[in-house]
Amino acid sequence: VTYTVTNFIPPSGRDVISVNPNTGEIHLTGALDFEEVNIFDFRIEARDQGWPPLSGHCKLLVEVLDVND
């Protein structure tokens, strides 16, 4: 099974969130700032190596909390 990320809202989410294509683990690759973006919305697709390949997806919402206030 391989994992890919699609449909980032906002598109800047590609710069700070990544998904391991082999395990599906989600990692932050940059700092999150509540004042810039407080919610990231994206989909993760899982696709197998069969013929024909089958796939499934899920929608993720990442909410950034403002811990300074």
C-alpha atoms as a PDB file:
ATOM      1  CA  VAL A   1       0.000   0.000   0.000  1.00  0.00           C
ATOM      2  CA  THR A   2       1.257   3.502  -0.839  1.00  0.00           C
ATOM      3  CA  TYR A   3      -0.023   6.745   0.655  1.00  0.00           C
ATOM      4  CA  THR A   4      -0.295  10.140  -1.039  1.00  0.00           C
ATOM      5  CA  VAL A   5      -1.655  13.494   0.076  1.00  0.00           C
ATOM      6  CA  THR A   6      -4.091  15.434  -2.088  1.00  0.00           C
ATOM      7  CA  ASN A   7      -6.335  18.505  -1.956  1.00  0.00           C
ATOM      8  CA  PHE A   8      -4.499  20.694   0.553  1.00  0.00           C
ATOM      9  CA  ILE A   9      -6.586  23.614   1.787  1.00  0.00           C
ATOM     10  CA  PRO A  10      -4.840  26.015   2.026  1.00  0.00           C
ATOM     11  CA  PRO A  11      -2.204  24.994  -0.563  1.00  0.00           C
ATOM     12  CA  SER A  12       0.554  26.231   1.787  1.00  0.00           C
ATOM     13  CA  GLY A  13      -0.075  23.073   3.836  1.00  0.00           C
ATOM     14  CA  ARG A  14       2.248  21.204   1.439  1.00  0.00           C
ATOM     15  CA  ASP A  15       5.122  23.204   2.943  1.00  0.00           C
ATOM     16  CA  VAL A  16       4.527  22.110   6.548  1.00  0.00           C
ATOM     17  CA  ILE A  17       2.811  18.683   6.446  1.00  0.00           C
ATOM     18  CA  SER A  18       4.090  15.485   4.843  1.00  0.00           C
ATOM     19  CA  VAL A  19       2.975  11.862   4.775  1.00  0.00           C
ATOM     20  CA  ASN A  20       5.362   8.914   4.587  1.00  0.00           C
ATOM     21  CA  PRO A  21       4.387   7.098   1.367  1.00  0.00           C
ATOM     22  CA  ASN A  22       5.223   3.674   2.854  1.00  0.00           C
ATOM     23  CA  THR A  23       3.679   3.900   6.331  1.00  0.00           C
ATOM     24  CA  GLY A  24       1.124   6.712   6.103  1.00  0.00           C
ATOM     25  CA  GLU A  25       2.663   8.497   9.111  1.00  0.00           C
ATOM     26  CA  ILE A  26       1.968  12.242   9.172  1.00  0.00           C
ATOM     27  CA  HIS A  27       4.869  14.568  10.013  1.00  0.00           C
ATOM     28  CA  LEU A  28       5.303  18.308  10.418  1.00  0.00           C
ATOM     29  CA  THR A  29       8.106  19.656   8.243  1.00  0.00           C
ATOM     30  CA  GLY A  30       7.812  23.272   9.392  1.00  0.00           C
ATOM     31  CA  ALA A  31       6.436  25.497  12.105  1.00  0.00           C
ATOM     32  CA  LEU A  32       2.691  26.081  12.420  1.00  0.00           C
ATOM     33  CA  ASP A  33       1.421  29.587  13.201  1.00  0.00           C
ATOM     34  CA  PHE A  34      -2.154  30.109  14.415  1.00  0.00           C
ATOM     35  CA  GLU A  35      -2.167  33.713  13.169  1.00  0.00           C
ATOM     36  CA  GLU A  36      -1.342  32.611   9.598  1.00  0.00           C
ATOM     37  CA  VAL A  37      -3.463  29.427   9.248  1.00  0.00           C
ATOM     38  CA  ASN A  38      -5.539  27.845  12.002  1.00  0.00           C
ATOM     39  CA  ILE A  39      -6.981  24.851  10.075  1.00  0.00           C
ATOM     40  CA  PHE A  40      -5.439  22.563   7.456  1.00  0.00           C
ATOM     41  CA  ASP A  41      -7.792  20.356   5.461  1.00  0.00           C
ATOM     42  CA  PHE A  42      -6.423  17.580   3.251  1.00  0.00           C
ATOM     43  CA  ARG A  43      -7.036  14.034   2.042  1.00  0.00           C
ATOM     44  CA  ILE A  44      -4.824  10.973   2.239  1.00  0.00           C
ATOM     45  CA  GLU A  45      -5.236   8.291  -0.397  1.00  0.00           C
ATOM     46  CA  ALA A  46      -4.122   4.679   0.161  1.00  0.00           C
ATOM     47  CA  ARG A  47      -3.589   2.631  -3.012  1.00  0.00           C
ATOM     48  CA  ASP A  48      -2.615  -1.030  -3.280  1.00  0.00           C
ATOM     49  CA  GLN A  49      -0.375  -2.634  -5.900  1.00  0.00           C
ATOM     50  CA  GLY A  50      -2.993  -5.027  -7.300  1.00  0.00           C
ATOM     51  CA  TRP A  51      -4.413  -5.164 -10.786  1.00  0.00           C
ATOM     52  CA  PRO A  52      -6.529  -3.186 -11.058  1.00  0.00           C
ATOM     53  CA  PRO A  53      -5.245  -1.070  -8.160  1.00  0.00           C
ATOM     54  CA  LEU A  54      -7.801  -0.352  -5.446  1.00  0.00           C
ATOM     55  CA  SER A  55      -7.765   2.806  -3.366  1.00  0.00           C
ATOM     56  CA  GLY A  56      -9.425   4.429  -0.404  1.00  0.00           C
ATOM     57  CA  HIS A  57      -9.148   7.870   1.115  1.00  0.00           C
ATOM     58  CA  CYS A  58      -9.808   9.794   4.293  1.00  0.00           C
ATOM     59  CA  LYS A  59     -10.190  13.467   5.074  1.00  0.00           C
ATOM     60  CA  LEU A  60      -8.046  15.028   7.797  1.00  0.00           C
ATOM     61  CA  LEU A  61      -8.532  18.318   9.591  1.00  0.00           C
ATOM     62  CA  VAL A  62      -5.578  19.645  11.572  1.00  0.00           C
ATOM     63  CA  GLU A  63      -6.560  22.448  13.938  1.00  0.00           C
ATOM     64  CA  VAL A  64      -3.762  24.726  15.131  1.00  0.00           C
ATOM     65  CA  LEU A  65      -4.321  26.053  18.651  1.00  0.00           C
ATOM     66  CA  ASP A  66      -3.052  29.453  19.792  1.00  0.00           C
ATOM     67  CA  VAL A  67      -1.282  28.521  23.024  1.00  0.00           C
ATOM     68  CA  ASN A  68       0.070  32.063  23.550  1.00  0.00           C
ATOM     69  CA  ASP A  69      -3.330  33.510  24.503  1.00  0.00           C
END
